[in-house]
């Protein structure tokens, strides 16, 4: 890092990208938590396979911001990737819930991060016909959707 201490997530992320030799812009939207949108010529390189790179950037940013005494609660997105993934995940959760309601059989979704599991739980929490539960261990944790017992 530079000689001055960076504490704002946007500044820290911009510095990380610069140190990586990546020519990119970082725009901050004042959501809660703040969304840091990276704009780059080759967004795929910053997204990575199934979002691995953007998740890694998120993790490094969280650690560095916390160590600098700033608030580590900013979300990193590249070219709207995470936003699209979140919407797709919500749609999948709703479709699986409808399937569970029709068939009565439970559905188990693919392994996902704690953030993704939370999105599914939140998306389905107001549906009185289904319940959700996280199952499994470590990187294999999944969401199970089952019909609410009467």
N, C-alpha and C. Protein backbone atom coordinates (compact mmCIF):
# COMPACT_ATOMS: atom_id res chain seq x y z
N UNK A 1 0.84 -1.18 0.00
CA UNK A 1 0.00 0.00 0.00
C UNK A 1 0.88 1.25 0.00
N UNK A 2 0.25 2.34 -0.24
CA UNK A 2 0.97 3.60 -0.25
C UNK A 2 1.26 4.01 1.18
N UNK A 3 1.98 5.14 1.33
CA UNK A 3 2.36 5.58 2.66
C UNK A 3 1.16 6.06 3.46
N UNK A 4 0.12 6.59 2.79
CA UNK A 4 -1.07 6.98 3.56
C UNK A 4 -1.93 5.74 3.81
N UNK A 5 -2.60 5.73 4.92
CA UNK A 5 -3.44 4.60 5.27
C UNK A 5 -4.80 4.75 4.60
N UNK A 6 -5.16 3.75 3.82
CA UNK A 6 -6.46 3.74 3.17
C UNK A 6 -7.44 3.01 4.07
N UNK A 7 -8.60 3.61 4.33
CA UNK A 7 -9.60 2.95 5.17
C UNK A 7 -10.92 2.76 4.44
N UNK A 8 -11.13 3.46 3.36
CA UNK A 8 -12.39 3.34 2.62
C UNK A 8 -12.31 2.17 1.65
N UNK A 9 -13.32 1.31 1.63
CA UNK A 9 -13.30 0.15 0.74
C UNK A 9 -13.03 0.50 -0.72
N UNK A 10 -13.61 1.58 -1.22
CA UNK A 10 -13.40 1.97 -2.62
C UNK A 10 -11.93 2.26 -2.90
N UNK A 11 -11.30 3.01 -2.01
CA UNK A 11 -9.88 3.35 -2.17
C UNK A 11 -9.01 2.09 -2.12
N UNK A 12 -9.32 1.22 -1.17
CA UNK A 12 -8.54 -0.01 -1.01
C UNK A 12 -8.68 -0.90 -2.24
N UNK A 13 -9.90 -1.06 -2.74
CA UNK A 13 -10.13 -1.89 -3.92
C UNK A 13 -9.41 -1.31 -5.14
N UNK A 14 -9.46 0.00 -5.32
CA UNK A 14 -8.75 0.63 -6.43
C UNK A 14 -7.25 0.38 -6.34
N UNK A 15 -6.72 0.44 -5.13
CA UNK A 15 -5.29 0.19 -4.91
C UNK A 15 -4.94 -1.27 -5.20
N UNK A 16 -5.79 -2.21 -4.78
CA UNK A 16 -5.57 -3.63 -5.06
C UNK A 16 -5.50 -3.86 -6.56
N UNK A 17 -6.46 -3.31 -7.28
CA UNK A 17 -6.50 -3.48 -8.74
C UNK A 17 -5.27 -2.87 -9.41
N UNK A 18 -4.86 -1.70 -8.93
CA UNK A 18 -3.67 -1.05 -9.49
C UNK A 18 -2.43 -1.92 -9.25
N UNK A 19 -2.31 -2.48 -8.05
CA UNK A 19 -1.16 -3.35 -7.73
C UNK A 19 -1.17 -4.61 -8.58
N UNK A 20 -2.37 -5.05 -8.99
CA UNK A 20 -2.50 -6.22 -9.86
C UNK A 20 -2.21 -5.87 -11.33
N UNK A 21 -2.02 -4.57 -11.59
CA UNK A 21 -1.77 -4.13 -12.96
C UNK A 21 -3.02 -4.11 -13.83
N UNK A 22 -4.17 -3.98 -13.20
CA UNK A 22 -5.44 -3.97 -13.92
C UNK A 22 -5.94 -2.54 -14.03
N UNK A 23 -6.18 -2.14 -15.28
CA UNK A 23 -6.71 -0.81 -15.55
C UNK A 23 -8.23 -0.89 -15.41
N UNK A 24 -8.75 -0.36 -14.30
CA UNK A 24 -10.18 -0.46 -14.03
C UNK A 24 -10.65 0.76 -13.25
N UNK A 25 -11.95 0.98 -13.30
CA UNK A 25 -12.56 2.03 -12.49
C UNK A 25 -13.36 1.37 -11.38
N UNK A 26 -13.50 2.06 -10.27
CA UNK A 26 -14.32 1.56 -9.17
C UNK A 26 -15.31 2.65 -8.80
N UNK A 27 -16.58 2.37 -9.03
CA UNK A 27 -17.65 3.29 -8.68
C UNK A 27 -18.35 2.76 -7.44
N UNK A 28 -18.73 3.65 -6.55
CA UNK A 28 -19.41 3.23 -5.32
C UNK A 28 -20.85 3.70 -5.35
N UNK A 29 -21.77 2.74 -5.17
CA UNK A 29 -23.18 3.07 -5.01
C UNK A 29 -23.48 3.03 -3.53
N UNK A 30 -24.22 4.01 -3.08
CA UNK A 30 -24.51 4.13 -1.64
C UNK A 30 -25.70 3.26 -1.24
N UNK A 31 -25.58 1.97 -1.49
CA UNK A 31 -26.57 1.02 -1.00
C UNK A 31 -26.19 0.68 0.44
N UNK A 32 -26.93 -0.23 1.03
CA UNK A 32 -26.56 -0.70 2.36
C UNK A 32 -26.47 -2.21 2.33
N UNK A 33 -25.31 -2.81 2.32
CA UNK A 33 -23.98 -2.18 2.36
C UNK A 33 -23.63 -1.56 1.01
N UNK A 34 -22.60 -0.70 0.99
CA UNK A 34 -22.20 -0.06 -0.26
C UNK A 34 -21.81 -1.09 -1.33
N UNK A 35 -22.16 -0.80 -2.57
CA UNK A 35 -21.80 -1.67 -3.69
C UNK A 35 -20.66 -1.01 -4.45
N UNK A 36 -19.57 -1.74 -4.63
CA UNK A 36 -18.43 -1.26 -5.40
C UNK A 36 -18.45 -1.96 -6.75
N UNK A 37 -18.75 -1.19 -7.79
CA UNK A 37 -18.86 -1.73 -9.15
C UNK A 37 -17.56 -1.47 -9.89
N UNK A 38 -16.91 -2.57 -10.31
CA UNK A 38 -15.66 -2.47 -11.06
C UNK A 38 -15.98 -2.45 -12.54
N UNK A 39 -15.43 -1.48 -13.23
CA UNK A 39 -15.55 -1.41 -14.68
C UNK A 39 -14.17 -1.68 -15.27
N UNK A 40 -14.08 -2.66 -16.17
CA UNK A 40 -12.79 -3.01 -16.76
C UNK A 40 -12.99 -3.41 -18.22
N UNK A 41 -11.92 -3.33 -18.98
CA UNK A 41 -11.97 -3.69 -20.39
C UNK A 41 -12.28 -5.18 -20.57
N UNK A 42 -11.72 -6.02 -19.69
CA UNK A 42 -11.96 -7.46 -19.75
C UNK A 42 -12.60 -7.90 -18.43
N UNK A 43 -13.92 -7.71 -18.28
CA UNK A 43 -14.56 -8.07 -17.02
C UNK A 43 -14.47 -9.56 -16.69
N UNK A 44 -14.40 -10.40 -17.70
CA UNK A 44 -14.33 -11.85 -17.47
C UNK A 44 -13.14 -12.24 -16.63
N UNK A 45 -12.02 -11.56 -16.82
CA UNK A 45 -10.81 -11.87 -16.05
C UNK A 45 -11.00 -11.54 -14.57
N UNK A 46 -11.82 -10.53 -14.28
CA UNK A 46 -12.07 -10.16 -12.89
C UNK A 46 -13.22 -10.94 -12.27
N UNK A 47 -14.04 -11.56 -13.11
CA UNK A 47 -15.13 -12.39 -12.61
C UNK A 47 -14.59 -13.79 -12.32
N UNK A 48 -13.86 -14.36 -13.28
CA UNK A 48 -13.30 -15.69 -13.11
C UNK A 48 -14.33 -16.77 -13.31
N UNK A 49 -13.89 -18.01 -13.20
CA UNK A 49 -14.77 -19.17 -13.37
C UNK A 49 -15.80 -19.20 -12.25
N UNK A 50 -17.07 -19.11 -12.61
CA UNK A 50 -18.18 -19.13 -11.66
C UNK A 50 -18.02 -18.09 -10.55
N UNK A 51 -17.39 -16.95 -10.86
CA UNK A 51 -17.29 -15.85 -9.91
C UNK A 51 -16.19 -15.97 -8.89
N UNK A 52 -15.25 -16.90 -9.10
CA UNK A 52 -14.20 -17.12 -8.10
C UNK A 52 -13.32 -15.89 -7.87
N UNK A 53 -12.97 -15.18 -8.94
CA UNK A 53 -12.07 -14.04 -8.78
C UNK A 53 -12.77 -12.90 -8.05
N UNK A 54 -14.00 -12.60 -8.43
CA UNK A 54 -14.71 -11.51 -7.76
C UNK A 54 -14.97 -11.85 -6.29
N UNK A 55 -15.23 -13.12 -5.98
CA UNK A 55 -15.39 -13.52 -4.58
C UNK A 55 -14.06 -13.37 -3.82
N UNK A 56 -12.96 -13.69 -4.48
CA UNK A 56 -11.64 -13.54 -3.84
C UNK A 56 -11.33 -12.07 -3.59
N UNK A 57 -11.64 -11.22 -4.58
CA UNK A 57 -11.45 -9.77 -4.39
C UNK A 57 -12.29 -9.29 -3.20
N UNK A 58 -13.51 -9.79 -3.10
CA UNK A 58 -14.40 -9.43 -1.99
C UNK A 58 -13.75 -9.80 -0.66
N UNK A 59 -13.20 -11.00 -0.59
CA UNK A 59 -12.57 -11.48 0.65
C UNK A 59 -11.35 -10.63 1.01
N UNK A 60 -10.47 -10.42 0.05
CA UNK A 60 -9.26 -9.63 0.30
C UNK A 60 -9.64 -8.21 0.73
N UNK A 61 -10.62 -7.63 0.06
CA UNK A 61 -11.07 -6.28 0.42
C UNK A 61 -11.59 -6.26 1.86
N UNK A 62 -12.39 -7.25 2.22
CA UNK A 62 -12.96 -7.31 3.57
C UNK A 62 -11.86 -7.37 4.62
N UNK A 63 -10.86 -8.21 4.39
CA UNK A 63 -9.76 -8.36 5.34
C UNK A 63 -8.95 -7.06 5.43
N UNK A 64 -8.59 -6.50 4.29
CA UNK A 64 -7.76 -5.29 4.30
C UNK A 64 -8.50 -4.09 4.89
N UNK A 65 -9.78 -3.96 4.60
CA UNK A 65 -10.54 -2.84 5.15
C UNK A 65 -10.66 -2.97 6.67
N UNK A 66 -10.92 -4.18 7.14
CA UNK A 66 -11.03 -4.39 8.59
C UNK A 66 -9.71 -4.09 9.28
N UNK A 67 -8.60 -4.53 8.69
CA UNK A 67 -7.28 -4.26 9.29
C UNK A 67 -6.96 -2.78 9.32
N UNK A 68 -7.48 -2.03 8.32
CA UNK A 68 -7.21 -0.59 8.25
C UNK A 68 -8.14 0.20 9.16
N UNK A 69 -9.08 -0.50 9.82
CA UNK A 69 -9.98 0.18 10.73
C UNK A 69 -11.24 0.70 10.08
N UNK A 70 -11.47 0.35 8.84
CA UNK A 70 -12.69 0.78 8.15
C UNK A 70 -13.79 -0.24 8.29
N UNK A 71 -14.92 0.06 7.68
CA UNK A 71 -16.05 -0.86 7.71
C UNK A 71 -15.88 -1.89 6.60
N UNK A 72 -15.79 -3.18 6.95
CA UNK A 72 -15.53 -4.22 5.95
C UNK A 72 -16.77 -4.70 5.21
N UNK A 73 -17.86 -3.95 5.30
CA UNK A 73 -19.11 -4.43 4.70
C UNK A 73 -19.43 -3.73 3.39
N UNK A 74 -18.64 -3.99 2.37
CA UNK A 74 -18.93 -3.50 1.03
C UNK A 74 -19.02 -4.71 0.11
N UNK A 75 -19.87 -4.63 -0.89
CA UNK A 75 -20.05 -5.71 -1.85
C UNK A 75 -19.32 -5.34 -3.14
N UNK A 76 -18.54 -6.27 -3.67
CA UNK A 76 -17.79 -6.04 -4.90
C UNK A 76 -18.55 -6.71 -6.05
N UNK A 77 -18.74 -5.96 -7.14
CA UNK A 77 -19.38 -6.50 -8.33
C UNK A 77 -18.56 -6.09 -9.54
N UNK A 78 -18.59 -6.93 -10.57
CA UNK A 78 -17.88 -6.64 -11.82
C UNK A 78 -18.88 -6.71 -12.96
N UNK A 79 -19.08 -5.57 -13.62
CA UNK A 79 -19.93 -5.52 -14.80
C UNK A 79 -21.33 -6.10 -14.53
N UNK A 80 -21.84 -5.92 -13.32
CA UNK A 80 -23.18 -6.39 -12.96
C UNK A 80 -23.29 -7.89 -12.77
N UNK A 81 -22.16 -8.62 -12.73
CA UNK A 81 -22.17 -10.08 -12.62
C UNK A 81 -22.92 -10.56 -11.37
N UNK A 82 -22.54 -10.04 -10.22
CA UNK A 82 -23.15 -10.51 -8.98
C UNK A 82 -24.63 -10.18 -8.93
N UNK A 83 -25.00 -9.03 -9.44
CA UNK A 83 -26.42 -8.66 -9.47
C UNK A 83 -27.20 -9.65 -10.32
N UNK A 84 -26.66 -10.01 -11.48
CA UNK A 84 -27.34 -10.98 -12.34
C UNK A 84 -27.40 -12.35 -11.67
N UNK A 85 -26.32 -12.75 -11.02
CA UNK A 85 -26.29 -14.04 -10.33
C UNK A 85 -27.31 -14.08 -9.19
N UNK A 86 -27.43 -12.98 -8.46
CA UNK A 86 -28.39 -12.92 -7.36
C UNK A 86 -29.82 -13.08 -7.89
N UNK A 87 -30.13 -12.38 -8.96
CA UNK A 87 -31.48 -12.48 -9.54
C UNK A 87 -31.74 -13.90 -10.05
N UNK A 88 -30.75 -14.49 -10.67
CA UNK A 88 -30.90 -15.87 -11.17
C UNK A 88 -31.11 -16.84 -10.01
N UNK A 89 -30.37 -16.65 -8.93
CA UNK A 89 -30.50 -17.51 -7.76
C UNK A 89 -31.89 -17.38 -7.13
N UNK A 90 -32.40 -16.16 -7.04
CA UNK A 90 -33.75 -15.94 -6.51
C UNK A 90 -34.79 -16.63 -7.38
N UNK A 91 -34.64 -16.52 -8.70
CA UNK A 91 -35.58 -17.17 -9.62
C UNK A 91 -35.52 -18.70 -9.48
N UNK A 92 -34.33 -19.23 -9.35
CA UNK A 92 -34.16 -20.67 -9.14
C UNK A 92 -34.84 -21.11 -7.85
N UNK A 93 -34.65 -20.33 -6.78
CA UNK A 93 -35.25 -20.66 -5.49
C UNK A 93 -36.78 -20.68 -5.60
N UNK A 94 -37.34 -19.68 -6.27
CA UNK A 94 -38.80 -19.63 -6.42
C UNK A 94 -39.31 -20.80 -7.26
N UNK A 95 -38.59 -21.13 -8.33
CA UNK A 95 -39.00 -22.25 -9.19
C UNK A 95 -38.94 -23.57 -8.43
N UNK A 96 -37.87 -23.77 -7.65
CA UNK A 96 -37.75 -24.99 -6.85
C UNK A 96 -38.85 -25.05 -5.79
N UNK A 97 -39.19 -23.91 -5.20
CA UNK A 97 -40.27 -23.88 -4.21
C UNK A 97 -41.59 -24.29 -4.84
N UNK A 98 -41.85 -23.82 -6.05
CA UNK A 98 -43.08 -24.20 -6.76
C UNK A 98 -43.10 -25.70 -7.04
N UNK A 99 -41.95 -26.23 -7.41
CA UNK A 99 -41.82 -27.67 -7.67
C UNK A 99 -42.11 -28.47 -6.39
N UNK A 100 -41.58 -28.00 -5.27
CA UNK A 100 -41.79 -28.67 -3.98
C UNK A 100 -43.28 -28.64 -3.62
N UNK A 101 -43.93 -27.51 -3.85
CA UNK A 101 -45.35 -27.39 -3.53
C UNK A 101 -46.19 -28.35 -4.39
N UNK A 102 -45.81 -28.50 -5.65
CA UNK A 102 -46.58 -29.37 -6.56
C UNK A 102 -46.35 -30.85 -6.27
N UNK A 103 -45.11 -31.23 -6.03
CA UNK A 103 -44.77 -32.65 -5.88
C UNK A 103 -44.78 -33.14 -4.44
N UNK A 104 -44.57 -32.23 -3.50
CA UNK A 104 -44.47 -32.63 -2.11
C UNK A 104 -43.10 -33.17 -1.74
N UNK A 105 -42.21 -33.31 -2.75
CA UNK A 105 -40.84 -33.80 -2.49
C UNK A 105 -39.92 -32.62 -2.21
N UNK A 106 -38.98 -32.84 -1.31
CA UNK A 106 -38.04 -31.77 -1.01
C UNK A 106 -37.05 -31.57 -2.15
N UNK A 107 -36.46 -30.38 -2.18
CA UNK A 107 -35.45 -30.05 -3.19
C UNK A 107 -34.19 -29.61 -2.45
N UNK A 108 -33.04 -30.05 -2.95
CA UNK A 108 -31.76 -29.63 -2.39
C UNK A 108 -31.00 -28.92 -3.48
N UNK A 109 -30.64 -27.67 -3.22
CA UNK A 109 -29.93 -26.85 -4.20
C UNK A 109 -28.44 -27.17 -4.18
N UNK A 110 -27.74 -26.71 -5.19
CA UNK A 110 -26.29 -26.90 -5.31
C UNK A 110 -25.58 -26.21 -4.15
N UNK A 111 -24.36 -26.65 -3.82
CA UNK A 111 -23.59 -25.97 -2.77
C UNK A 111 -23.43 -24.49 -3.10
N UNK A 112 -23.48 -23.66 -2.06
CA UNK A 112 -23.34 -22.23 -2.27
C UNK A 112 -22.70 -21.56 -1.06
N UNK A 113 -22.30 -20.34 -1.25
CA UNK A 113 -21.68 -19.57 -0.18
C UNK A 113 -22.74 -19.19 0.86
N UNK A 114 -22.30 -18.75 2.02
CA UNK A 114 -23.25 -18.34 3.06
C UNK A 114 -24.11 -17.18 2.58
N UNK A 115 -23.53 -16.27 1.83
CA UNK A 115 -24.27 -15.13 1.29
C UNK A 115 -25.37 -15.62 0.35
N UNK A 116 -25.04 -16.56 -0.53
CA UNK A 116 -26.02 -17.08 -1.48
C UNK A 116 -27.13 -17.85 -0.74
N UNK A 117 -26.75 -18.63 0.26
CA UNK A 117 -27.76 -19.36 1.04
C UNK A 117 -28.71 -18.38 1.72
N UNK A 118 -28.15 -17.32 2.25
CA UNK A 118 -28.98 -16.31 2.90
C UNK A 118 -29.98 -15.71 1.91
N UNK A 119 -29.54 -15.44 0.68
CA UNK A 119 -30.45 -14.90 -0.34
C UNK A 119 -31.64 -15.84 -0.56
N UNK A 120 -31.37 -17.14 -0.62
CA UNK A 120 -32.44 -18.11 -0.82
C UNK A 120 -33.39 -18.10 0.38
N UNK A 121 -32.83 -18.15 1.59
CA UNK A 121 -33.67 -18.13 2.79
C UNK A 121 -34.56 -16.88 2.82
N UNK A 122 -33.98 -15.73 2.53
CA UNK A 122 -34.73 -14.47 2.54
C UNK A 122 -35.80 -14.47 1.45
N UNK A 123 -35.46 -14.96 0.28
CA UNK A 123 -36.41 -14.98 -0.84
C UNK A 123 -37.64 -15.82 -0.53
N UNK A 124 -37.46 -16.91 0.20
CA UNK A 124 -38.57 -17.84 0.44
C UNK A 124 -39.21 -17.73 1.82
N UNK A 125 -38.67 -16.87 2.67
CA UNK A 125 -39.15 -16.83 4.06
C UNK A 125 -40.63 -16.45 4.21
N UNK A 126 -41.17 -15.69 3.28
CA UNK A 126 -42.56 -15.27 3.40
C UNK A 126 -43.54 -16.22 2.71
N UNK A 127 -43.03 -17.31 2.17
CA UNK A 127 -43.90 -18.30 1.53
C UNK A 127 -44.33 -19.31 2.60
N UNK A 128 -45.61 -19.29 2.99
CA UNK A 128 -46.05 -20.15 4.09
C UNK A 128 -46.10 -21.64 3.73
N UNK A 129 -45.98 -21.96 2.44
CA UNK A 129 -46.09 -23.36 2.02
C UNK A 129 -44.77 -24.11 2.02
N UNK A 130 -43.64 -23.38 2.13
CA UNK A 130 -42.34 -24.04 2.14
C UNK A 130 -41.46 -23.49 3.26
N UNK A 131 -40.50 -24.32 3.69
CA UNK A 131 -39.49 -23.89 4.65
C UNK A 131 -38.12 -24.20 4.06
N UNK A 132 -37.12 -23.49 4.51
CA UNK A 132 -35.76 -23.71 4.03
C UNK A 132 -34.86 -24.02 5.21
N UNK A 133 -33.81 -24.77 4.90
CA UNK A 133 -32.85 -25.14 5.94
C UNK A 133 -31.49 -25.34 5.27
N UNK A 134 -30.44 -24.82 5.89
CA UNK A 134 -29.09 -25.08 5.39
C UNK A 134 -28.63 -26.42 5.92
N UNK A 135 -28.04 -27.22 5.03
CA UNK A 135 -27.56 -28.55 5.42
C UNK A 135 -26.15 -28.73 4.88
N UNK A 136 -25.43 -29.69 5.44
CA UNK A 136 -24.08 -29.99 4.97
C UNK A 136 -23.02 -29.25 5.76
N UNK A 137 -21.78 -29.44 5.31
CA UNK A 137 -20.63 -28.88 6.03
C UNK A 137 -19.72 -28.13 5.06
N UNK A 138 -19.04 -27.13 5.56
CA UNK A 138 -18.01 -26.41 4.80
C UNK A 138 -18.49 -25.93 3.44
N UNK A 139 -17.66 -26.18 2.42
CA UNK A 139 -17.96 -25.75 1.06
C UNK A 139 -19.09 -26.53 0.42
N UNK A 140 -19.56 -27.56 1.08
CA UNK A 140 -20.65 -28.36 0.55
C UNK A 140 -22.01 -27.98 1.12
N UNK A 141 -22.09 -26.87 1.89
CA UNK A 141 -23.37 -26.47 2.47
C UNK A 141 -24.35 -26.07 1.38
N UNK A 142 -25.58 -26.52 1.55
CA UNK A 142 -26.64 -26.31 0.56
C UNK A 142 -27.90 -25.86 1.27
N UNK A 143 -28.89 -25.45 0.47
CA UNK A 143 -30.19 -25.13 1.01
C UNK A 143 -31.16 -26.23 0.62
N UNK A 144 -31.89 -26.72 1.61
CA UNK A 144 -32.95 -27.69 1.37
C UNK A 144 -34.28 -26.95 1.46
N UNK A 145 -35.14 -27.18 0.48
CA UNK A 145 -36.46 -26.56 0.47
C UNK A 145 -37.46 -27.70 0.64
N UNK A 146 -38.35 -27.58 1.63
CA UNK A 146 -39.34 -28.63 1.83
C UNK A 146 -40.69 -28.00 2.11
N UNK A 147 -41.70 -28.82 1.89
CA UNK A 147 -43.05 -28.38 2.11
C UNK A 147 -43.27 -28.18 3.61
N UNK A 148 -43.96 -27.11 3.96
CA UNK A 148 -44.26 -26.83 5.37
C UNK A 148 -45.23 -27.87 5.88
N UNK A 149 -44.92 -28.42 7.05
CA UNK A 149 -45.80 -29.41 7.65
C UNK A 149 -47.02 -28.71 8.20
N UNK A 150 -48.17 -29.34 7.98
CA UNK A 150 -49.43 -28.73 8.43
C UNK A 150 -49.77 -29.10 9.83
